[in-house]
PDB file of N, CA and C in Angstrom:
ATOM      1  N   MET A   1     141.207 111.670  57.459  1.00  0.00           N
ATOM      2  CA  MET A   1     142.460 112.066  57.362  1.00  0.00           C
ATOM      3  C   MET A   1     142.954 110.680  56.644  1.00  0.00           C
ATOM      4  N   GLY A   2     142.015 109.518  57.423  1.00  0.00           N
ATOM      5  CA  GLY A   2     142.837 108.243  56.896  1.00  0.00           C
ATOM      6  C   GLY A   2     142.429 108.003  55.396  1.00  0.00           C
ATOM      7  N   ILE A   3     141.132 108.476  54.626  1.00  0.00           N
ATOM      8  CA  ILE A   3     140.727 108.341  53.398  1.00  0.00           C
ATOM      9  C   ILE A   3     141.851 109.092  52.368  1.00  0.00           C
ATOM     10  N   LEU A   4     142.027 110.622  52.974  1.00  0.00           N
ATOM     11  CA  LEU A   4     143.003 111.702  52.284  1.00  0.00           C
ATOM     12  C   LEU A   4     144.573 110.672  52.205  1.00  0.00           C
ATOM     13  N   PHE A   5     145.105 110.141  53.149  1.00  0.00           N
ATOM     14  CA  PHE A   5     146.317 109.642  53.165  1.00  0.00           C
ATOM     15  C   PHE A   5     146.427 108.098  52.114  1.00  0.00           C
ATOM     16  N   ALA A   6     144.864 107.529  51.759  1.00  0.00           N
ATOM     17  CA  ALA A   6     144.898 106.460  51.297  1.00  0.00           C
ATOM     18  C   ALA A   6     145.144 107.031  49.477  1.00  0.00           C
ATOM     19  N   VAL A   7     144.025 108.143  49.312  1.00  0.00           N
ATOM     20  CA  VAL A   7     144.362 108.832  48.127  1.00  0.00           C
ATOM     21  C   VAL A   7     145.680 109.358  47.453  1.00  0.00           C
ATOM     22  N   ALA A   8     146.608 109.913  48.694  1.00  0.00           N
ATOM     23  CA  ALA A   8     147.693 110.014  47.965  1.00  0.00           C
ATOM     24  C   ALA A   8     148.793 109.172  48.133  1.00  0.00           C
ATOM     25  N   LEU A   9     148.529 107.896  48.482  1.00  0.00           N
ATOM     26  CA  LEU A   9     149.125 106.620  48.525  1.00  0.00           C
ATOM     27  C   LEU A   9     148.914 106.087  47.133  1.00  0.00           C
ATOM     28  N   SER A  10     148.025 105.928  46.649  1.00  0.00           N
ATOM     29  CA  SER A  10     147.571 105.682  45.370  1.00  0.00           C
ATOM     30  C   SER A  10     147.721 106.646  44.254  1.00  0.00           C
ATOM     31  N   LEU A  11     147.692 107.785  44.745  1.00  0.00           N
ATOM     32  CA  LEU A  11     148.003 109.019  43.026  1.00  0.00           C
ATOM     33  C   LEU A  11     149.481 108.430  43.030  1.00  0.00           C
ATOM     34  N   VAL A  12     150.597 108.134  44.361  1.00  0.00           N
ATOM     35  CA  VAL A  12     151.935 108.031  44.201  1.00  0.00           C
ATOM     36  C   VAL A  12     152.318 106.868  43.498  1.00  0.00           C
ATOM     37  N   SER A  13     151.567 105.851  43.690  1.00  0.00           N
ATOM     38  CA  SER A  13     151.503 104.220  43.347  1.00  0.00           C
ATOM     39  C   SER A  13     151.287 104.452  42.100  1.00  0.00           C
ATOM     40  N   ALA A  14     150.413 105.349  41.314  1.00  0.00           N
ATOM     41  CA  ALA A  14     149.943 105.588  39.893  1.00  0.00           C
ATOM     42  C   ALA A  14     151.289 106.208  39.025  1.00  0.00           C
ATOM     43  N   CYS A  15     151.891 106.715  39.685  1.00  0.00           N
ATOM     44  CA  CYS A  15     153.368 107.511  39.001  1.00  0.00           C
ATOM     45  C   CYS A  15     154.732 106.199  38.194  1.00  0.00           C
ATOM     46  N   ALA A  16     154.405 105.335  39.077  1.00  0.00           N
ATOM     47  CA  ALA A  16     154.887 104.724  38.824  1.00  0.00           C
ATOM     48  C   ALA A  16     155.486 103.909  37.472  1.00  0.00           C
ATOM     49  N   SER A  17     156.809 103.815  36.859  1.00  0.00           N
ATOM     50  CA  SER A  17     156.664 102.979  35.533  1.00  0.00           C
ATOM     51  C   SER A  17     157.437 102.050  35.239  1.00  0.00           C
ATOM     52  N   GLU A  18     157.162 101.584  34.523  1.00  0.00           N
ATOM     53  CA  GLU A  18     157.791  99.790  34.490  1.00  0.00           C
ATOM     54  C   GLU A  18     158.989 100.625  33.952  1.00  0.00           C
ATOM     55  N   PRO A  19     160.212  99.634  34.321  1.00  0.00           N
ATOM     56  CA  PRO A  19     162.105  99.890  34.306  1.00  0.00           C
ATOM     57  C   PRO A  19     162.067 100.033  32.516  1.00  0.00           C
ATOM     58  N   VAL A  20     162.794 100.539  32.722  1.00  0.00           N
ATOM     59  CA  VAL A  20     163.362 101.003  31.286  1.00  0.00           C
ATOM     60  C   VAL A  20     164.735  99.923  30.787  1.00  0.00           C
ATOM     61  N   PRO A  21     164.392  99.576  29.649  1.00  0.00           N
ATOM     62  CA  PRO A  21     165.275  98.110  29.060  1.00  0.00           C
ATOM     63  C   PRO A  21     166.542  98.829  29.148  1.00  0.00           C
ATOM     64  N   PRO A  22     167.553  97.911  29.271  1.00  0.00           N
ATOM     65  CA  PRO A  22     169.415  98.495  29.136  1.00  0.00           C
ATOM     66  C   PRO A  22     169.378  98.765  27.498  1.00  0.00           C
ATOM     67  N   TYR A  23     170.073 100.160  27.340  1.00  0.00           N
ATOM     68  CA  TYR A  23     170.425 100.750  26.483  1.00  0.00           C
ATOM     69  C   TYR A  23     171.336  99.727  25.367  1.00  0.00           C
ATOM     70  N   THR A  24     170.966  99.309  23.854  1.00  0.00           N
ATOM     71  CA  THR A  24     171.707  98.767  23.105  1.00  0.00           C
ATOM     72  C   THR A  24     171.773  99.315  22.217  1.00  0.00           C
ATOM     73  N   PRO A  25     173.029  99.874  21.654  1.00  0.00           N
ATOM     74  CA  PRO A  25     173.448 100.857  20.877  1.00  0.00           C
ATOM     75  C   PRO A  25     173.481 100.200  19.078  1.00  0.00           C
ATOM     76  N   PRO A  26     172.876 100.561  18.383  1.00  0.00           N
ATOM     77  CA  PRO A  26     172.598 100.422  17.024  1.00  0.00           C
ATOM     78  C   PRO A  26     173.999  99.480  16.544  1.00  0.00           C
ATOM     79  N   PRO A  27     173.854  98.910  15.883  1.00  0.00           N
ATOM     80  CA  PRO A  27     175.605  98.674  14.607  1.00  0.00           C
ATOM     81  C   PRO A  27     175.617  99.612  14.598  1.00  0.00           C
ATOM     82  N   ASN A  28     177.405  99.703  14.526  1.00  0.00           N
ATOM     83  CA  ASN A  28     178.025 100.965  13.431  1.00  0.00           C
ATOM     84  C   ASN A  28     177.956 101.100  12.435  1.00  0.00           C
ATOM     85  N   THR A  29     177.831 102.018  11.798  1.00  0.00           N
ATOM     86  CA  THR A  29     177.712 102.173  10.092  1.00  0.00           C
ATOM     87  C   THR A  29     178.587 100.926   9.389  1.00  0.00           C
ATOM     88  N   PHE A  30     179.868 100.975   9.476  1.00  0.00           N
ATOM     89  CA  PHE A  30     180.619  99.687   8.953  1.00  0.00           C
ATOM     90  C   PHE A  30     180.237  98.538   8.872  1.00  0.00           C
ATOM     91  N   ASP A  31     179.491  98.273  10.064  1.00  0.00           N
ATOM     92  CA  ASP A  31     178.912  96.771  10.649  1.00  0.00           C
ATOM     93  C   ASP A  31     177.942  96.506   9.621  1.00  0.00           C
ATOM     94  N   ARG A  32     176.999  97.802   9.967  1.00  0.00           N
ATOM     95  CA  ARG A  32     176.028  97.598   8.908  1.00  0.00           C
ATOM     96  C   ARG A  32     175.991  97.312   7.482  1.00  0.00           C
ATOM     97  N   ALA A  33     176.834  98.208   7.066  1.00  0.00           N
ATOM     98  CA  ALA A  33     177.428  98.079   5.471  1.00  0.00           C
ATOM     99  C   ALA A  33     177.881  96.924   5.311  1.00  0.00           C
ATOM    100  N   TRP A  34     178.778  95.992   5.900  1.00  0.00           N
ATOM    101  CA  TRP A  34     179.554  95.131   5.867  1.00  0.00           C
ATOM    102  C   TRP A  34     178.511  93.858   5.692  1.00  0.00           C
ATOM    103  N   SER A  35     177.668  93.782   6.502  1.00  0.00           N
ATOM    104  CA  SER A  35     176.675  92.558   6.479  1.00  0.00           C
ATOM    105  C   SER A  35     175.551  92.830   5.439  1.00  0.00           C
ATOM    106  N   ALA A  36     175.524  94.332   5.175  1.00  0.00           N
ATOM    107  CA  ALA A  36     174.808  94.504   4.144  1.00  0.00           C
ATOM    108  C   ALA A  36     174.940  93.977   2.763  1.00  0.00           C
ATOM    109  N   ALA A  37     176.572  94.727   2.578  1.00  0.00           N
ATOM    110  CA  ALA A  37     177.158  94.231   1.379  1.00  0.00           C
ATOM    111  C   ALA A  37     177.526  92.831   1.095  1.00  0.00           C
ATOM    112  N   ILE A  38     177.599  91.838   1.841  1.00  0.00           N
ATOM    113  CA  ILE A  38     177.545  90.271   1.882  1.00  0.00           C
ATOM    114  C   ILE A  38     176.453  89.657   1.656  1.00  0.00           C
ATOM    115  N   GLY A  39     175.315  90.211   2.624  1.00  0.00           N
ATOM    116  CA  GLY A  39     174.204  89.609   1.941  1.00  0.00           C
ATOM    117  C   GLY A  39     173.512  90.149   0.538  1.00  0.00           C
ATOM    118  N   ALA A  40     173.625  91.497   0.033  1.00  0.00           N
ATOM    119  CA  ALA A  40     173.663  91.781  -1.254  1.00  0.00           C
ATOM    120  C   ALA A  40     174.122  90.708  -2.398  1.00  0.00           C
ATOM    121  N   ALA A  41     175.461  90.327  -2.125  1.00  0.00           N
ATOM    122  CA  ALA A  41     176.465  89.539  -3.024  1.00  0.00           C
ATOM    123  C   ALA A  41     175.813  88.365  -3.104  1.00  0.00           C
ATOM    124  N   ARG A  42     175.494  87.709  -1.952  1.00  0.00           N
ATOM    125  CA  ARG A  42     174.539  86.418  -1.789  1.00  0.00           C
ATOM    126  C   ARG A  42     173.403  86.404  -2.684  1.00  0.00           C
ATOM    127  N   ASP A  43     172.638  87.562  -2.263  1.00  0.00           N
ATOM    128  CA  ASP A  43     171.168  87.325  -2.843  1.00  0.00           C
ATOM    129  C   ASP A  43     171.276  87.638  -4.137  1.00  0.00           C
ATOM    130  N   GLU A  44     172.444  87.726  -4.688  1.00  0.00           N
ATOM    131  CA  GLU A  44     172.448  88.001  -6.564  1.00  0.00           C
ATOM    132  C   GLU A  44     173.731  86.348  -6.926  1.00  0.00           C
ATOM    133  N   GLY A  45     173.422  85.333  -6.040  1.00  0.00           N
ATOM    134  CA  GLY A  45     174.143  84.147  -6.506  1.00  0.00           C
ATOM    135  C   GLY A  45     175.895  84.407  -6.079  1.00  0.00           C
ATOM    136  N   VAL A  46     176.294  85.268  -5.355  1.00  0.00           N
ATOM    137  CA  VAL A  46     177.867  85.246  -5.765  1.00  0.00           C
ATOM    138  C   VAL A  46     178.023  84.437  -4.727  1.00  0.00           C
ATOM    139  N   GLN A  47     179.269  83.560  -4.997  1.00  0.00           N
ATOM    140  CA  GLN A  47     179.775  82.455  -3.737  1.00  0.00           C
ATOM    141  C   GLN A  47     180.779  83.468  -3.274  1.00  0.00           C
ATOM    142  N   ILE A  48     180.804  83.892  -1.836  1.00  0.00           N
ATOM    143  CA  ILE A  48     181.795  84.712  -0.970  1.00  0.00           C
ATOM    144  C   ILE A  48     183.045  83.630  -0.748  1.00  0.00           C
ATOM    145  N   LEU A  49     184.096  84.407  -1.233  1.00  0.00           N
ATOM    146  CA  LEU A  49     185.466  83.449  -1.233  1.00  0.00           C
ATOM    147  C   LEU A  49     186.581  83.997   0.166  1.00  0.00           C
ATOM    148  N   SER A  50     186.238  85.457   0.128  1.00  0.00           N
ATOM    149  CA  SER A  50     186.986  85.888   1.544  1.00  0.00           C
ATOM    150  C   SER A  50     186.306  87.304   1.422  1.00  0.00           C
ATOM    151  N   GLU A  51     186.940  87.330   3.331  1.00  0.00           N
ATOM    152  CA  GLU A  51     186.706  88.065   3.776  1.00  0.00           C
ATOM    153  C   GLU A  51     187.562  89.137   4.412  1.00  0.00           C
ATOM    154  N   ASP A  52     187.868  90.203   4.460  1.00  0.00           N
ATOM    155  CA  ASP A  52     189.137  90.832   5.176  1.00  0.00           C
ATOM    156  C   ASP A  52     188.458  92.287   5.734  1.00  0.00           C
ATOM    157  N   ARG A  53     187.957  92.389   6.968  1.00  0.00           N
ATOM    158  CA  ARG A  53     187.647  93.877   7.313  1.00  0.00           C
ATOM    159  C   ARG A  53     188.244  94.436   7.570  1.00  0.00           C
ATOM    160  N   ALA A  54     189.499  94.010   7.794  1.00  0.00           N
ATOM    161  CA  ALA A  54     190.813  95.309   8.114  1.00  0.00           C
ATOM    162  C   ALA A  54     191.102  95.941   6.936  1.00  0.00           C
ATOM    163  N   SER A  55     190.599  94.898   5.593  1.00  0.00           N
ATOM    164  CA  SER A  55     191.147  96.094   4.369  1.00  0.00           C
ATOM    165  C   SER A  55     189.815  96.789   3.622  1.00  0.00           C
ATOM    166  N   GLY A  56     188.583  96.218   4.037  1.00  0.00           N
ATOM    167  CA  GLY A  56     187.791  96.441   3.876  1.00  0.00           C
ATOM    168  C   GLY A  56     186.919  95.617   2.322  1.00  0.00           C
ATOM    169  N   THR A  57     187.513  94.705   2.261  1.00  0.00           N
ATOM    170  CA  THR A  57     187.359  93.648   1.283  1.00  0.00           C
ATOM    171  C   THR A  57     186.904  92.552   1.200  1.00  0.00           C
ATOM    172  N   ILE A  58     185.726  92.125   0.412  1.00  0.00           N
ATOM    173  CA  ILE A  58     185.093  91.068   0.488  1.00  0.00           C
ATOM    174  C   ILE A  58     185.378  90.147  -1.585  1.00  0.00           C
ATOM    175  N   SER A  59     185.326  89.250  -1.592  1.00  0.00           N
ATOM    176  CA  SER A  59     185.721  88.762  -2.790  1.00  0.00           C
ATOM    177  C   SER A  59     185.165  87.349  -3.263  1.00  0.00           C
ATOM    178  N   GLY A  60     184.546  87.550  -4.402  1.00  0.00           N
ATOM    179  CA  GLY A  60     183.669  86.368  -4.467  1.00  0.00           C
ATOM    180  C   GLY A  60     183.569  85.706  -6.273  1.00  0.00           C
ATOM    181  N   SER A  61     182.757  85.194  -6.553  1.00  0.00           N
ATOM    182  CA  SER A  61     182.538  84.638  -7.931  1.00  0.00           C
ATOM    183  C   SER A  61     180.937  84.170  -7.767  1.00  0.00           C
ATOM    184  N   ARG A  62     181.169  84.319  -9.335  1.00  0.00           N
ATOM    185  CA  ARG A  62     179.603  83.968  -9.840  1.00  0.00           C
ATOM    186  C   ARG A  62     180.060  83.462 -11.709  1.00  0.00           C
ATOM    187  N   GLY A  63     179.517  82.269 -11.460  1.00  0.00           N
ATOM    188  CA  GLY A  63     179.376  82.166 -13.100  1.00  0.00           C
ATOM    189  C   GLY A  63     180.758  82.570 -14.293  1.00  0.00           C
ATOM    190  N   GLY A  64     182.186  82.644 -13.465  1.00  0.00           N
ATOM    191  CA  GLY A  64     183.119  83.306 -13.953  1.00  0.00           C
ATOM    192  C   GLY A  64     183.861  84.274 -13.975  1.00  0.00           C
ATOM    193  N   GLN A  65     182.415  84.914 -13.072  1.00  0.00           N
ATOM    194  CA  GLN A  65     183.052  86.742 -12.638  1.00  0.00           C
ATOM    195  C   GLN A  65     183.776  86.596 -11.475  1.00  0.00           C
ATOM    196  N   GLU A  66     184.406  87.482 -11.583  1.00  0.00           N
ATOM    197  CA  GLU A  66     185.321  87.644 -10.125  1.00  0.00           C
ATOM    198  C   GLU A  66     184.801  88.998  -9.466  1.00  0.00           C
ATOM    199  N   VAL A  67     184.209  88.643  -8.427  1.00  0.00           N
ATOM    200  CA  VAL A  67     183.287  90.045  -7.873  1.00  0.00           C
ATOM    201  C   VAL A  67     184.020  90.613  -6.688  1.00  0.00           C
ATOM    202  N   THR A  68     184.097  91.799  -6.575  1.00  0.00           N
ATOM    203  CA  THR A  68     184.933  92.845  -5.729  1.00  0.00           C
ATOM    204  C   THR A  68     184.444  93.573  -4.904  1.00  0.00           C
ATOM    205  N   ILE A  69     183.980  93.895  -3.439  1.00  0.00           N
ATOM    206  CA  ILE A  69     183.493  94.608  -2.653  1.00  0.00           C
ATOM    207  C   ILE A  69     184.353  95.554  -2.306  1.00  0.00           C
ATOM    208  N   ASN A  70     184.405  97.089  -2.252  1.00  0.00           N
ATOM    209  CA  ASN A  70     185.073  97.677  -1.338  1.00  0.00           C
ATOM    210  C   ASN A  70     184.288  98.335  -0.561  1.00  0.00           C
ATOM    211  N   LEU A  71     184.803  98.527   1.237  1.00  0.00           N
ATOM    212  CA  LEU A  71     184.015  99.378   1.866  1.00  0.00           C
ATOM    213  C   LEU A  71     185.127 100.255   2.342  1.00  0.00           C
ATOM    214  N   ARG A  72     185.259 101.414   2.704  1.00  0.00           N
ATOM    215  CA  ARG A  72     185.928 102.425   2.990  1.00  0.00           C
ATOM    216  C   ARG A  72     185.240 103.242   4.037  1.00  0.00           C
ATOM    217  N   SER A  73     185.602 103.507   5.179  1.00  0.00           N
ATOM    218  CA  SER A  73     185.219 104.268   6.607  1.00  0.00           C
ATOM    219  C   SER A  73     185.560 105.670   5.554  1.00  0.00           C
ATOM    220  N   GLN A  74     184.465 106.735   5.913  1.00  0.00           N
ATOM    221  CA  GLN A  74     184.739 108.131   5.312  1.00  0.00           C
ATOM    222  C   GLN A  74     185.018 108.741   6.675  1.00  0.00           C
ATOM    223  N   ALA A  75     185.610 110.008   6.616  1.00  0.00           N
ATOM    224  CA  ALA A  75     185.915 110.888   7.965  1.00  0.00           C
ATOM    225  C   ALA A  75     184.612 111.244   8.538  1.00  0.00           C
ATOM    226  N   ASP A  76     183.259 111.642   8.102  1.00  0.00           N
ATOM    227  CA  ASP A  76     182.131 112.021   8.374  1.00  0.00           C
ATOM    228  C   ASP A  76     181.611 110.546   8.989  1.00  0.00           C
ATOM    229  N   GLY A  77     181.964 109.615   9.037  1.00  0.00           N
ATOM    230  CA  GLY A  77     181.646 107.987   9.585  1.00  0.00           C
ATOM    231  C   GLY A  77     180.233 107.795   8.483  1.00  0.00           C
ATOM    232  N   SER A  78     180.373 107.825   7.229  1.00  0.00           N
ATOM    233  CA  SER A  78     179.374 107.266   6.258  1.00  0.00           C
ATOM    234  C   SER A  78     180.268 106.193   5.726  1.00  0.00           C
ATOM    235  N   VAL A  79     179.777 105.428   5.116  1.00  0.00           N
ATOM    236  CA  VAL A  79     180.933 104.439   4.457  1.00  0.00           C
ATOM    237  C   VAL A  79     181.159 104.219   2.944  1.00  0.00           C
ATOM    238  N   ARG A  80     182.177 104.316   2.145  1.00  0.00           N
ATOM    239  CA  ARG A  80     182.242 104.599   0.998  1.00  0.00           C
ATOM    240  C   ARG A  80     182.215 102.947   0.273  1.00  0.00           C
ATOM    241  N   MET A  81     181.146 102.657  -1.122  1.00  0.00           N
ATOM    242  CA  MET A  81     181.236 101.357  -1.335  1.00  0.00           C
ATOM    243  C   MET A  81     181.640 101.592  -2.579  1.00  0.00           C
ATOM    244  N   GLU A  82     182.233 100.341  -3.051  1.00  0.00           N
ATOM    245  CA  GLU A  82     182.567 100.232  -4.351  1.00  0.00           C
ATOM    246  C   GLU A  82     182.357  98.771  -4.556  1.00  0.00           C
ATOM    247  N   PHE A  83     181.493  98.375  -6.274  1.00  0.00           N
ATOM    248  CA  PHE A  83     181.290  97.100  -6.444  1.00  0.00           C
ATOM    249  C   PHE A  83     181.717  97.010  -7.803  1.00  0.00           C
ATOM    250  N   SER A  84     182.291  95.815  -7.701  1.00  0.00           N
ATOM    251  CA  SER A  84     182.716  95.598  -9.793  1.00  0.00           C
ATOM    252  C   SER A  84     182.991  93.890  -9.731  1.00  0.00           C
ATOM    253  N   ALA A  85     182.503  93.728 -10.790  1.00  0.00           N
ATOM    254  CA  ALA A  85     182.479  92.518 -11.473  1.00  0.00           C
ATOM    255  C   ALA A  85     183.488  92.290 -12.754  1.00  0.00           C
ATOM    256  N   ARG A  86     184.426  91.500 -12.562  1.00  0.00           N
ATOM    257  CA  ARG A  86     185.108  90.837 -13.937  1.00  0.00           C
ATOM    258  C   ARG A  86     185.302  89.544 -14.432  1.00  0.00           C
ATOM    259  N   GLY A  87     184.988  89.536 -15.735  1.00  0.00           N
ATOM    260  CA  GLY A  87     185.299  87.966 -16.658  1.00  0.00           C
ATOM    261  C   GLY A  87     185.017  88.090 -17.864  1.00  0.00           C
ATOM    262  N   PRO A  88     185.196  86.907 -18.473  1.00  0.00           N
ATOM    263  CA  PRO A  88     185.219  86.533 -19.846  1.00  0.00           C
ATOM    264  C   PRO A  88     184.159  87.965 -20.423  1.00  0.00           C
ATOM    265  N   LYS A  89     184.235  88.559 -21.588  1.00  0.00           N
ATOM    266  CA  LYS A  89     183.212  88.915 -22.179  1.00  0.00           C
ATOM    267  C   LYS A  89     181.973  88.175 -22.285  1.00  0.00           C
ATOM    268  N   GLY A  90     181.131  88.943 -22.386  1.00  0.00           N
ATOM    269  CA  GLY A  90     179.684  88.572 -22.227  1.00  0.00           C
ATOM    270  C   GLY A  90     178.932  87.402 -21.109  1.00  0.00           C
ATOM    271  N   THR A  91     180.044  87.660 -20.121  1.00  0.00           N
ATOM    272  CA  THR A  91     179.444  87.024 -19.133  1.00  0.00           C
ATOM    273  C   THR A  91     178.473  88.214 -18.409  1.00  0.00           C
ATOM    274  N   ASP A  92     177.697  88.200 -17.697  1.00  0.00           N
ATOM    275  CA  ASP A  92     176.719  88.952 -16.691  1.00  0.00           C
ATOM    276  C   ASP A  92     177.382  90.466 -16.680  1.00  0.00           C
ATOM    277  N   PRO A  93     176.872  91.417 -17.551  1.00  0.00           N
ATOM    278  CA  PRO A  93     177.483  92.819 -17.532  1.00  0.00           C
ATOM    279  C   PRO A  93     176.795  93.647 -16.094  1.00  0.00           C
ATOM    280  N   GLY A  94     175.687  93.156 -16.120  1.00  0.00           N
ATOM    281  CA  GLY A  94     175.135  93.673 -14.999  1.00  0.00           C
ATOM    282  C   GLY A  94     174.732  93.438 -13.403  1.00  0.00           C
ATOM    283  N   LEU A  95     175.532  92.342 -13.214  1.00  0.00           N
ATOM    284  CA  LEU A  95     176.070  91.924 -11.835  1.00  0.00           C
ATOM    285  C   LEU A  95     176.361  93.097 -10.736  1.00  0.00           C
ATOM    286  N   ALA A  96     177.596  93.911 -11.272  1.00  0.00           N
ATOM    287  CA  ALA A  96     177.755  94.474 -10.021  1.00  0.00           C
ATOM    288  C   ALA A  96     176.343  95.736 -10.008  1.00  0.00           C
ATOM    289  N   GLY A  97     175.920  96.021 -10.827  1.00  0.00           N
ATOM    290  CA  GLY A  97     174.542  96.939 -10.819  1.00  0.00           C
ATOM    291  C   GLY A  97     173.614  96.446  -9.914  1.00  0.00           C
ATOM    292  N   ARG A  98     173.646  94.911  -9.907  1.00  0.00           N
ATOM    293  CA  ARG A  98     172.185  94.419  -9.048  1.00  0.00           C
ATOM    294  C   ARG A  98     172.458  94.207  -8.012  1.00  0.00           C
ATOM    295  N   ILE A  99     173.878  93.866  -7.766  1.00  0.00           N
ATOM    296  CA  ILE A  99     174.296  93.531  -6.213  1.00  0.00           C
ATOM    297  C   ILE A  99     174.238  95.096  -5.196  1.00  0.00           C
ATOM    298  N   SER A 100     174.511  96.446  -6.449  1.00  0.00           N
ATOM    299  CA  SER A 100     174.657  97.516  -5.714  1.00  0.00           C
ATOM    300  C   SER A 100     173.063  97.865  -5.254  1.00  0.00           C
ATOM    301  N   ARG A 101     172.078  97.461  -6.244  1.00  0.00           N
ATOM    302  CA  ARG A 101     170.758  97.301  -5.664  1.00  0.00           C
ATOM    303  C   ARG A 101     170.217  97.020  -4.726  1.00  0.00           C
ATOM    304  N   ALA A 102     170.930  95.575  -4.837  1.00  0.00           N
ATOM    305  CA  ALA A 102     170.468  94.531  -3.382  1.00  0.00           C
ATOM    306  C   ALA A 102     171.194  95.301  -2.335  1.00  0.00           C
ATOM    307  N   TYR A 103     172.082  96.016  -2.055  1.00  0.00           N
ATOM    308  CA  TYR A 103     172.548  96.512  -0.806  1.00  0.00           C
ATOM    309  C   TYR A 103     171.955  97.587  -0.466  1.00  0.00           C
ATOM    310  N   ASP A 104     171.427  98.856  -1.642  1.00  0.00           N
ATOM    311  CA  ASP A 104     170.545  99.322  -1.374  1.00  0.00           C
ATOM    312  C   ASP A 104     169.526  99.247  -0.617  1.00  0.00           C
ATOM    313  N   ARG A 105     168.857  97.593  -1.003  1.00  0.00           N
ATOM    314  CA  ARG A 105     167.310  97.610  -0.307  1.00  0.00           C
ATOM    315  C   ARG A 105     167.935  97.081   0.939  1.00  0.00           C
ATOM    316  N   ARG A 106     168.971  96.813   1.244  1.00  0.00           N
ATOM    317  CA  ARG A 106     169.308  95.901   2.684  1.00  0.00           C
ATOM    318  C   ARG A 106     169.555  96.656   3.420  1.00  0.00           C
ATOM    319  N   MET A 107     170.114  98.091   2.783  1.00  0.00           N
ATOM    320  CA  MET A 107     170.208  99.006   3.796  1.00  0.00           C
ATOM    321  C   MET A 107     169.083  99.956   3.787  1.00  0.00           C
ATOM    322  N   GLY A 108     167.695  99.591   3.469  1.00  0.00           N
ATOM    323  CA  GLY A 108     166.207 100.330   3.336  1.00  0.00           C
ATOM    324  C   GLY A 108     166.463 101.870   2.461  1.00  0.00           C
ATOM    325  N   ARG A 109     167.056 101.784   1.171  1.00  0.00           N
ATOM    326  CA  ARG A 109     167.202 102.933   0.385  1.00  0.00           C
ATOM    327  C   ARG A 109     165.906 102.268  -0.595  1.00  0.00           C
TER     328      ARG A 109
END
């Protein structure tokens, strides 16, 4: 009977598991998009001049161009992005598109 008890005890102890780490929720969609937008602008050499999370607006400049990024939370939980770059004619016309592509990369798209 002693051996049977030892076997039963070893089976019970073998079922023990590691403690589960506490749940850390992922950043919400807006926070993730906000960070990716700022990082994307910096990736393209934009100097961030102002950030207003409440209005969802990031402003910056690069080489004479004014860069604006607008983020809007949608009813379905997604975030709508708008990238724009304005400046003198002949300055970098592809800047907004490059920021958008850098944003997509940062978001894993």
